[in-house]
Amino acid sequence: MNVNLYARLVEYQGDRYLGDTNNLLQLQSEIENFLKERTTELLQKMQKWDVDPLSMGYVALHPF
């Protein structure tokens, strides 16, 4: 299952100058890594608890 997330920054309150492409790409990479880690943790917890609140079992052969 592939999930694509699209977003944009409306109000950035960090210390980086996002007009610099390198800073912007680094921030993007950090956000992607953060979301991957948290999503993985969430799925592992759901596996542990034997729950399927996202109804992934309907689109996959096995929910986990």
Protein backbone atom coordinates (compact mmCIF):
# COMPACT_ATOMS: atom_id res chain seq x y z
CA MET A 1 0.00 0.00 0.00
CA ASN A 2 1.40 3.39 -0.95
CA VAL A 3 0.25 6.62 0.61
CA ASN A 4 1.23 10.01 -0.76
CA LEU A 5 1.10 13.04 1.47
CA TYR A 6 1.14 16.54 0.06
CA ALA A 7 1.55 19.60 2.23
CA ARG A 8 2.84 23.13 2.29
CA LEU A 9 4.30 25.31 4.98
CA VAL A 10 2.04 28.21 5.84
CA GLU A 11 3.82 29.61 8.86
CA TYR A 12 7.36 28.49 9.53
CA GLN A 13 8.64 29.48 12.95
CA GLY A 14 12.05 27.82 12.84
CA ASP A 15 15.52 29.29 12.58
CA ARG A 16 16.29 28.34 8.99
CA TYR A 17 16.22 30.67 6.03
CA LEU A 18 13.96 28.79 3.62
CA GLY A 19 14.96 31.02 0.70
CA ASP A 20 18.10 28.88 0.52
CA THR A 21 17.41 25.69 -1.44
CA ASN A 22 19.76 23.60 0.70
CA ASN A 23 17.98 24.60 3.91
CA LEU A 24 14.60 23.89 2.33
CA LEU A 25 15.65 20.46 1.09
CA GLN A 26 17.14 19.59 4.47
CA LEU A 27 13.91 20.59 6.23
CA GLN A 28 11.90 18.55 3.74
CA SER A 29 14.09 15.51 4.38
CA GLU A 30 13.74 15.88 8.14
CA ILE A 31 9.95 16.13 7.88
CA GLU A 32 9.80 13.03 5.64
CA ASN A 33 11.97 11.03 8.06
CA PHE A 34 9.89 12.17 11.03
CA LEU A 35 6.64 11.11 9.34
CA LYS A 36 8.09 7.74 8.27
CA GLU A 37 9.28 6.98 11.81
CA ARG A 38 6.01 7.99 13.44
CA THR A 39 3.92 6.10 10.89
CA THR A 40 6.02 2.98 11.40
CA GLU A 41 5.64 3.28 15.17
CA LEU A 42 1.87 3.68 14.82
CA LEU A 43 1.55 0.63 12.57
CA GLN A 44 3.69 -1.46 14.92
CA LYS A 45 1.48 -0.48 17.86
CA MET A 46 -1.64 -1.38 15.90
CA GLN A 47 -0.11 -4.76 15.03
CA LYS A 48 0.70 -5.37 18.67
CA TRP A 49 -2.86 -4.53 19.70
CA ASP A 50 -4.41 -6.51 16.78
CA VAL A 51 -6.52 -3.57 15.65
CA ASP A 52 -7.27 -2.19 12.20
CA PRO A 53 -8.76 1.29 12.68
CA LEU A 54 -7.53 2.42 9.25
CA SER A 55 -9.46 -0.46 7.57
CA MET A 56 -6.34 -1.58 5.73
CA GLY A 57 -7.70 -5.12 5.82
CA TYR A 58 -10.23 -4.17 3.16
CA VAL A 59 -7.58 -3.21 0.61
CA ALA A 60 -4.87 -5.72 1.51
CA LEU A 61 -4.84 -9.46 1.94
CA HIS A 62 -3.73 -9.05 5.53
CA PRO A 63 -4.02 -5.86 7.56
CA PHE A 64 -0.48 -6.21 8.94
